[in-house]
Amino acid sequence: MAGASSGIGAATAAELAAAGCQVVLVGRDQLRLAQVTARTGGLALAAELTDASGLDRVVTAARRVDLLVHCAGIGWSGDLASMSAEQVEALTAVNLTAPVLLTSAVLPELRRRRGHVVFVSSIAAVGVRGEEVYAATKAGVRAFAESLRRLDGLGVTTVLPGAVRTSIFAGRRYDRRFPRVLAPEEVADRLLRGVQRGRAEVFVPGWLAVPARLQGALPGVFRALARRFG
């Protein structure tokens, strides 16, 4: 599991461990990762997945893979013109490049075992003002997952939550009364139920499927509403 040191990843690790699964917990924050490991058991690997040596360590440790869960992510919001090239590269590396590389590395094993891969995207994948780069990375993850569904011997689930109480929102003000901010445990629960039921996409809360479907069916209406409500 990538991104297991906090947030949705830590909550998902706890549910998997409670279900008796053997988990490999991957993250970049060694201290937090150790804390999650102490609560859930399993093997902890502090690794940078966009680095070849870090990726190799994870692939070597996770020799048997039935379920791969991508929960790692970083956010950024503000005026796009003020965003530095380094910030763009960081978001792209963590949110998009890392899951692509890890999935590619373990894909033969996943398909051999008829396994399942989960990507935590975001409802921001439909496009969000002030979060243009973050939205682009999450849309990329969603498209990557959709492409993988064309392969035999592989289950693929994409989770698209709304605002979640994670480190992405640390230091940021969320002043909307609706929709409410979700707890990571809520997303983890829906994630695992989605895997068990073989769902292609899981929206949390479920009504978020409406704007996502509207974007595809009536893009002009969707854009008009997006301009009005942000």
C-alpha atoms as a PDB file:
ATOM      1  CA  MET A   1       0.000   0.000   0.000  1.00  0.00           C
ATOM      2  CA  ALA A   2       1.443   3.343  -1.074  1.00  0.00           C
ATOM      3  CA  GLY A   3       0.769   6.402   1.069  1.00  0.00           C
ATOM      4  CA  ALA A   4       0.176   4.382   4.221  1.00  0.00           C
ATOM      5  CA  SER A   5       1.722   6.803   6.709  1.00  0.00           C
ATOM      6  CA  SER A   6      -1.370   8.973   7.247  1.00  0.00           C
ATOM      7  CA  GLY A   7      -4.882   9.870   6.183  1.00  0.00           C
ATOM      8  CA  ILE A   8      -6.810   7.513   3.919  1.00  0.00           C
ATOM      9  CA  GLY A   9      -3.809   5.215   3.605  1.00  0.00           C
ATOM     10  CA  ALA A  10      -3.434   4.707   7.358  1.00  0.00           C
ATOM     11  CA  ALA A  11      -7.181   4.153   7.743  1.00  0.00           C
ATOM     12  CA  THR A  12      -7.223   1.617   4.914  1.00  0.00           C
ATOM     13  CA  ALA A  13      -4.214  -0.190   6.383  1.00  0.00           C
ATOM     14  CA  ALA A  14      -6.067  -0.516   9.691  1.00  0.00           C
ATOM     15  CA  GLU A  15      -9.122  -2.034   7.995  1.00  0.00           C
ATOM     16  CA  LEU A  16      -7.032  -4.468   5.956  1.00  0.00           C
ATOM     17  CA  ALA A  17      -5.071  -5.550   9.019  1.00  0.00           C
ATOM     18  CA  ALA A  18      -8.306  -6.050  10.962  1.00  0.00           C
ATOM     19  CA  ALA A  19      -9.516  -8.294   8.152  1.00  0.00           C
ATOM     20  CA  GLY A  20      -6.411 -10.464   8.536  1.00  0.00           C
ATOM     21  CA  CYS A  21      -4.501  -9.238   5.482  1.00  0.00           C
ATOM     22  CA  GLN A  22      -0.711  -9.153   5.399  1.00  0.00           C
ATOM     23  CA  VAL A  23       0.182  -5.605   4.445  1.00  0.00           C
ATOM     24  CA  VAL A  24       3.273  -3.875   3.110  1.00  0.00           C
ATOM     25  CA  LEU A  25       3.073  -0.227   4.179  1.00  0.00           C
ATOM     26  CA  VAL A  26       4.903   2.259   1.984  1.00  0.00           C
ATOM     27  CA  GLY A  27       5.358   5.959   2.732  1.00  0.00           C
ATOM     28  CA  ARG A  28       7.882   8.765   2.820  1.00  0.00           C
ATOM     29  CA  ASP A  29       7.456   9.822   6.461  1.00  0.00           C
ATOM     30  CA  GLN A  30       9.401   7.217   8.410  1.00  0.00           C
ATOM     31  CA  LEU A  31       8.138   8.293  11.852  1.00  0.00           C
ATOM     32  CA  ARG A  32       4.458   8.260  10.919  1.00  0.00           C
ATOM     33  CA  LEU A  33       4.915   5.030   9.017  1.00  0.00           C
ATOM     34  CA  ALA A  34       6.370   3.401  12.127  1.00  0.00           C
ATOM     35  CA  GLN A  35       3.365   4.572  14.146  1.00  0.00           C
ATOM     36  CA  VAL A  36       0.925   3.056  11.650  1.00  0.00           C
ATOM     37  CA  THR A  37       2.929  -0.167  11.591  1.00  0.00           C
ATOM     38  CA  ALA A  38       2.798  -0.380  15.389  1.00  0.00           C
ATOM     39  CA  ARG A  39      -1.008  -0.231  15.214  1.00  0.00           C
ATOM     40  CA  THR A  40      -1.520  -2.521  12.239  1.00  0.00           C
ATOM     41  CA  GLY A  41       1.486  -4.824  11.952  1.00  0.00           C
ATOM     42  CA  GLY A  42       2.910  -5.672   8.556  1.00  0.00           C
ATOM     43  CA  LEU A  43       6.101  -4.562   6.887  1.00  0.00           C
ATOM     44  CA  ALA A  44       6.987  -0.852   6.780  1.00  0.00           C
ATOM     45  CA  LEU A  45       9.072   0.556   3.933  1.00  0.00           C
ATOM     46  CA  ALA A  46      10.060   4.214   3.862  1.00  0.00           C
ATOM     47  CA  ALA A  47      10.687   4.788   0.163  1.00  0.00           C
ATOM     48  CA  GLU A  48      10.485   7.368  -2.593  1.00  0.00           C
ATOM     49  CA  LEU A  49       8.635   5.642  -5.419  1.00  0.00           C
ATOM     50  CA  THR A  50       9.873   7.999  -8.123  1.00  0.00           C
ATOM     51  CA  ASP A  51      13.431   6.942  -7.259  1.00  0.00           C
ATOM     52  CA  ALA A  52      14.606   3.731  -8.963  1.00  0.00           C
ATOM     53  CA  SER A  53      16.237   2.310  -5.836  1.00  0.00           C
ATOM     54  CA  GLY A  54      13.169   3.030  -3.684  1.00  0.00           C
ATOM     55  CA  LEU A  55      10.878   1.436  -6.244  1.00  0.00           C
ATOM     56  CA  ASP A  56      13.090  -1.658  -6.473  1.00  0.00           C
ATOM     57  CA  ARG A  57      13.057  -2.052  -2.673  1.00  0.00           C
ATOM     58  CA  VAL A  58       9.273  -2.005  -2.590  1.00  0.00           C
ATOM     59  CA  VAL A  59       8.885  -4.442  -5.478  1.00  0.00           C
ATOM     60  CA  THR A  60      11.416  -6.838  -3.921  1.00  0.00           C
ATOM     61  CA  ALA A  61       9.684  -6.731  -0.526  1.00  0.00           C
ATOM     62  CA  ALA A  62       6.188  -7.176  -1.956  1.00  0.00           C
ATOM     63  CA  ARG A  63       6.865 -10.421  -3.779  1.00  0.00           C
ATOM     64  CA  ARG A  64       3.237 -11.593  -3.568  1.00  0.00           C
ATOM     65  CA  VAL A  65       0.693  -8.927  -4.473  1.00  0.00           C
ATOM     66  CA  ASP A  66      -3.049  -9.529  -4.480  1.00  0.00           C
ATOM     67  CA  LEU A  67      -4.165  -5.960  -3.775  1.00  0.00           C
ATOM     68  CA  LEU A  68      -2.297  -2.747  -4.527  1.00  0.00           C
ATOM     69  CA  VAL A  69      -3.714   0.460  -3.039  1.00  0.00           C
ATOM     70  CA  HIS A  70      -2.467   3.910  -4.042  1.00  0.00           C
ATOM     71  CA  CYS A  71      -3.331   6.495  -1.369  1.00  0.00           C
ATOM     72  CA  ALA A  72      -0.349   8.859  -1.533  1.00  0.00           C
ATOM     73  CA  GLY A  73      -1.089  12.429  -2.530  1.00  0.00           C
ATOM     74  CA  ILE A  74      -0.159  16.042  -1.947  1.00  0.00           C
ATOM     75  CA  GLY A  75      -2.259  19.103  -2.650  1.00  0.00           C
ATOM     76  CA  TRP A  76      -1.817  22.731  -3.588  1.00  0.00           C
ATOM     77  CA  SER A  77      -4.304  25.571  -3.996  1.00  0.00           C
ATOM     78  CA  GLY A  78      -4.018  29.214  -4.923  1.00  0.00           C
ATOM     79  CA  ASP A  79      -3.278  31.415  -7.899  1.00  0.00           C
ATOM     80  CA  LEU A  80      -1.828  29.225 -10.648  1.00  0.00           C
ATOM     81  CA  ALA A  81       0.476  32.029 -11.762  1.00  0.00           C
ATOM     82  CA  SER A  82       2.178  31.961  -8.357  1.00  0.00           C
ATOM     83  CA  MET A  83       2.872  28.220  -8.459  1.00  0.00           C
ATOM     84  CA  SER A  84       6.545  27.394  -8.955  1.00  0.00           C
ATOM     85  CA  ALA A  85       7.922  24.807 -11.352  1.00  0.00           C
ATOM     86  CA  GLU A  86       9.197  22.836  -8.355  1.00  0.00           C
ATOM     87  CA  GLN A  87       5.696  22.680  -6.879  1.00  0.00           C
ATOM     88  CA  VAL A  88       4.247  21.511 -10.192  1.00  0.00           C
ATOM     89  CA  GLU A  89       6.890  18.796 -10.453  1.00  0.00           C
ATOM     90  CA  ALA A  90       6.299  17.652  -6.864  1.00  0.00           C
ATOM     91  CA  LEU A  91       2.537  17.288  -7.331  1.00  0.00           C
ATOM     92  CA  THR A  92       2.980  15.444 -10.601  1.00  0.00           C
ATOM     93  CA  ALA A  93       5.621  13.110  -9.160  1.00  0.00           C
ATOM     94  CA  VAL A  94       3.688  12.070  -6.048  1.00  0.00           C
ATOM     95  CA  ASN A  95       0.137  12.113  -7.397  1.00  0.00           C
ATOM     96  CA  LEU A  96       0.650  10.659 -10.867  1.00  0.00           C
ATOM     97  CA  THR A  97       4.162   9.423 -11.662  1.00  0.00           C
ATOM     98  CA  ALA A  98       4.570   7.305  -8.505  1.00  0.00           C
ATOM     99  CA  PRO A  99       1.341   5.283  -8.925  1.00  0.00           C
ATOM    100  CA  VAL A 100       2.082   4.731 -12.614  1.00  0.00           C
ATOM    101  CA  LEU A 101       5.593   3.446 -11.881  1.00  0.00           C
ATOM    102  CA  LEU A 102       4.600   1.159  -8.995  1.00  0.00           C
ATOM    103  CA  THR A 103       1.627  -0.279 -10.857  1.00  0.00           C
ATOM    104  CA  SER A 104       3.778  -0.961 -13.914  1.00  0.00           C
ATOM    105  CA  ALA A 105       6.428  -2.660 -11.777  1.00  0.00           C
ATOM    106  CA  VAL A 106       4.042  -5.137 -10.112  1.00  0.00           C
ATOM    107  CA  LEU A 107       1.559  -5.513 -12.982  1.00  0.00           C
ATOM    108  CA  PRO A 108       2.758  -8.967 -14.129  1.00  0.00           C
ATOM    109  CA  GLU A 109       2.372 -10.342 -10.587  1.00  0.00           C
ATOM    110  CA  LEU A 110      -1.022  -8.694 -10.134  1.00  0.00           C
ATOM    111  CA  ARG A 111      -2.334 -10.164 -13.385  1.00  0.00           C
ATOM    112  CA  ARG A 112      -0.852 -13.585 -12.657  1.00  0.00           C
ATOM    113  CA  ARG A 113      -2.735 -13.650  -9.359  1.00  0.00           C
ATOM    114  CA  ARG A 114      -5.817 -11.986 -10.874  1.00  0.00           C
ATOM    115  CA  GLY A 115      -5.355  -9.219  -8.339  1.00  0.00           C
ATOM    116  CA  HIS A 116      -6.844  -5.801  -7.817  1.00  0.00           C
ATOM    117  CA  VAL A 117      -5.454  -2.267  -7.885  1.00  0.00           C
ATOM    118  CA  VAL A 118      -7.076   0.762  -6.251  1.00  0.00           C
ATOM    119  CA  PHE A 119      -6.369   4.393  -7.055  1.00  0.00           C
ATOM    120  CA  VAL A 120      -7.495   7.170  -4.741  1.00  0.00           C
ATOM    121  CA  SER A 121      -8.241  10.006  -7.135  1.00  0.00           C
ATOM    122  CA  SER A 122     -10.496  12.940  -6.196  1.00  0.00           C
ATOM    123  CA  ILE A 123     -13.686  14.612  -7.306  1.00  0.00           C
ATOM    124  CA  ALA A 124     -11.271  17.415  -8.244  1.00  0.00           C
ATOM    125  CA  ALA A 125     -10.576  15.280 -11.333  1.00  0.00           C
ATOM    126  CA  VAL A 126     -13.573  16.996 -12.953  1.00  0.00           C
ATOM    127  CA  GLY A 127     -11.717  20.336 -12.649  1.00  0.00           C
ATOM    128  CA  VAL A 128     -11.508  22.804  -9.758  1.00  0.00           C
ATOM    129  CA  ARG A 129     -10.695  26.498  -9.840  1.00  0.00           C
ATOM    130  CA  GLY A 130      -7.588  27.293  -7.823  1.00  0.00           C
ATOM    131  CA  GLU A 131      -6.441  23.658  -7.849  1.00  0.00           C
ATOM    132  CA  GLU A 132      -5.694  23.295 -11.543  1.00  0.00           C
ATOM    133  CA  VAL A 133      -2.519  21.208 -11.265  1.00  0.00           C
ATOM    134  CA  TYR A 134      -3.860  19.007  -8.471  1.00  0.00           C
ATOM    135  CA  ALA A 135      -7.014  18.425 -10.540  1.00  0.00           C
ATOM    136  CA  ALA A 136      -4.909  17.538 -13.581  1.00  0.00           C
ATOM    137  CA  THR A 137      -2.915  14.917 -11.666  1.00  0.00           C
ATOM    138  CA  LYS A 138      -6.065  13.336 -10.271  1.00  0.00           C
ATOM    139  CA  ALA A 139      -7.699  13.322 -13.711  1.00  0.00           C
ATOM    140  CA  GLY A 140      -4.570  11.613 -15.002  1.00  0.00           C
ATOM    141  CA  VAL A 141      -4.877   8.918 -12.345  1.00  0.00           C
ATOM    142  CA  ARG A 142      -8.510   8.386 -13.309  1.00  0.00           C
ATOM    143  CA  ALA A 143      -7.609   8.027 -16.995  1.00  0.00           C
ATOM    144  CA  PHE A 144      -4.733   5.660 -16.183  1.00  0.00           C
ATOM    145  CA  ALA A 145      -7.103   3.467 -14.156  1.00  0.00           C
ATOM    146  CA  GLU A 146      -9.649   3.461 -16.968  1.00  0.00           C
ATOM    147  CA  SER A 147      -6.995   2.321 -19.430  1.00  0.00           C
ATOM    148  CA  LEU A 148      -5.915  -0.525 -17.140  1.00  0.00           C
ATOM    149  CA  ARG A 149      -9.473  -1.862 -17.156  1.00  0.00           C
ATOM    150  CA  ARG A 150      -8.839  -3.013 -20.745  1.00  0.00           C
ATOM    151  CA  LEU A 151      -6.357  -5.617 -19.430  1.00  0.00           C
ATOM    152  CA  ASP A 152      -7.385  -9.172 -18.598  1.00  0.00           C
ATOM    153  CA  GLY A 153      -6.743 -10.615 -15.155  1.00  0.00           C
ATOM    154  CA  LEU A 154      -6.881  -7.320 -13.284  1.00  0.00           C
ATOM    155  CA  GLY A 155      -9.534  -5.654 -11.160  1.00  0.00           C
ATOM    156  CA  VAL A 156      -9.392  -1.854 -11.009  1.00  0.00           C
ATOM    157  CA  THR A 157     -11.239   0.509  -8.667  1.00  0.00           C
ATOM    158  CA  THR A 158     -10.951   4.282  -8.620  1.00  0.00           C
ATOM    159  CA  VAL A 159     -12.087   6.158  -5.506  1.00  0.00           C
ATOM    160  CA  LEU A 160     -13.152   9.777  -5.945  1.00  0.00           C
ATOM    161  CA  PRO A 161     -13.776  11.419  -2.571  1.00  0.00           C
ATOM    162  CA  GLY A 162     -14.706  14.989  -1.817  1.00  0.00           C
ATOM    163  CA  ALA A 163     -12.887  16.985   0.878  1.00  0.00           C
ATOM    164  CA  VAL A 164     -11.227  14.642   3.392  1.00  0.00           C
ATOM    165  CA  ARG A 165      -9.673  15.496   6.751  1.00  0.00           C
ATOM    166  CA  THR A 166      -6.051  14.730   5.781  1.00  0.00           C
ATOM    167  CA  SER A 167      -2.701  16.504   5.675  1.00  0.00           C
ATOM    168  CA  ILE A 168      -3.685  18.001   2.303  1.00  0.00           C
ATOM    169  CA  PHE A 169      -6.019  20.334   4.200  1.00  0.00           C
ATOM    170  CA  ALA A 170      -3.527  21.140   6.946  1.00  0.00           C
ATOM    171  CA  GLY A 171      -3.238  24.902   7.279  1.00  0.00           C
ATOM    172  CA  ARG A 172      -6.037  25.499   4.781  1.00  0.00           C
ATOM    173  CA  ARG A 173      -9.407  26.968   5.589  1.00  0.00           C
ATOM    174  CA  TYR A 174     -12.430  25.037   4.394  1.00  0.00           C
ATOM    175  CA  ASP A 175     -15.348  27.391   4.780  1.00  0.00           C
ATOM    176  CA  ARG A 176     -18.056  25.511   2.904  1.00  0.00           C
ATOM    177  CA  ARG A 177     -20.968  24.172   4.930  1.00  0.00           C
ATOM    178  CA  PHE A 178     -21.708  21.722   2.130  1.00  0.00           C
ATOM    179  CA  PRO A 179     -20.361  19.226   1.323  1.00  0.00           C
ATOM    180  CA  ARG A 180     -19.021  18.314   4.731  1.00  0.00           C
ATOM    181  CA  VAL A 181     -15.425  17.233   5.265  1.00  0.00           C
ATOM    182  CA  LEU A 182     -15.105  13.443   5.414  1.00  0.00           C
ATOM    183  CA  ALA A 183     -13.137  11.387   7.911  1.00  0.00           C
ATOM    184  CA  PRO A 184     -10.429   9.171   6.345  1.00  0.00           C
ATOM    185  CA  GLU A 185     -12.128   6.123   7.874  1.00  0.00           C
ATOM    186  CA  GLU A 186     -15.283   6.796   5.859  1.00  0.00           C
ATOM    187  CA  VAL A 187     -13.312   6.759   2.625  1.00  0.00           C
ATOM    188  CA  ALA A 188     -11.374   3.637   3.638  1.00  0.00           C
ATOM    189  CA  ASP A 189     -14.610   1.794   4.377  1.00  0.00           C
ATOM    190  CA  ARG A 190     -16.114   2.720   1.000  1.00  0.00           C
ATOM    191  CA  LEU A 191     -12.841   1.846  -0.725  1.00  0.00           C
ATOM    192  CA  LEU A 192     -12.784  -1.693   0.614  1.00  0.00           C
ATOM    193  CA  ARG A 193     -16.476  -2.225  -0.073  1.00  0.00           C
ATOM    194  CA  GLY A 194     -15.845  -1.079  -3.631  1.00  0.00           C
ATOM    195  CA  VAL A 195     -13.111  -3.689  -4.036  1.00  0.00           C
ATOM    196  CA  GLN A 196     -15.277  -6.447  -2.572  1.00  0.00           C
ATOM    197  CA  ARG A 197     -18.113  -5.573  -4.952  1.00  0.00           C
ATOM    198  CA  GLY A 198     -15.865  -5.123  -7.980  1.00  0.00           C
ATOM    199  CA  ARG A 199     -16.868  -1.495  -8.468  1.00  0.00           C
ATOM    200  CA  ALA A 200     -15.071   0.447 -11.195  1.00  0.00           C
ATOM    201  CA  GLU A 201     -15.577   3.836  -9.527  1.00  0.00           C
ATOM    202  CA  VAL A 202     -16.565   4.769  -5.993  1.00  0.00           C
ATOM    203  CA  PHE A 203     -17.665   8.317  -5.184  1.00  0.00           C
ATOM    204  CA  VAL A 204     -17.591   9.418  -1.546  1.00  0.00           C
ATOM    205  CA  PRO A 205     -20.196  10.618  -0.742  1.00  0.00           C
ATOM    206  CA  GLY A 206     -22.179   8.822  -3.422  1.00  0.00           C
ATOM    207  CA  TRP A 207     -24.005  11.891  -4.720  1.00  0.00           C
ATOM    208  CA  LEU A 208     -20.721  13.221  -6.126  1.00  0.00           C
ATOM    209  CA  ALA A 209     -21.311  10.847  -9.018  1.00  0.00           C
ATOM    210  CA  VAL A 210     -23.916  13.343 -10.269  1.00  0.00           C
ATOM    211  CA  PRO A 211     -21.527  16.183 -11.245  1.00  0.00           C
ATOM    212  CA  ALA A 212     -19.043  13.638 -12.619  1.00  0.00           C
ATOM    213  CA  ARG A 213     -21.681  12.078 -14.866  1.00  0.00           C
ATOM    214  CA  LEU A 214     -23.035  15.501 -15.785  1.00  0.00           C
ATOM    215  CA  GLN A 215     -19.595  16.542 -16.999  1.00  0.00           C
ATOM    216  CA  GLY A 216     -19.566  13.660 -19.464  1.00  0.00           C
ATOM    217  CA  ALA A 217     -23.194  13.816 -20.577  1.00  0.00           C
ATOM    218  CA  LEU A 218     -23.831  17.576 -20.606  1.00  0.00           C
ATOM    219  CA  PRO A 219     -20.467  19.365 -20.506  1.00  0.00           C
ATOM    220  CA  GLY A 220     -21.956  22.779 -21.309  1.00  0.00           C
ATOM    221  CA  VAL A 221     -24.368  22.583 -18.373  1.00  0.00           C
ATOM    222  CA  PHE A 222     -21.604  21.304 -16.122  1.00  0.00           C
ATOM    223  CA  ARG A 223     -19.305  24.218 -16.997  1.00  0.00           C
ATOM    224  CA  ALA A 224     -22.063  26.771 -16.420  1.00  0.00           C
ATOM    225  CA  LEU A 225     -22.775  25.343 -12.991  1.00  0.00           C
ATOM    226  CA  ALA A 226     -19.065  25.120 -12.182  1.00  0.00           C
ATOM    227  CA  ARG A 227     -18.573  28.828 -12.977  1.00  0.00           C
ATOM    228  CA  ARG A 228     -21.451  29.731 -10.687  1.00  0.00           C
ATOM    229  CA  PHE A 229     -20.673  27.471  -7.743  1.00  0.00           C
ATOM    230  CA  GLY A 230     -16.884  27.106  -8.074  1.00  0.00           C
END
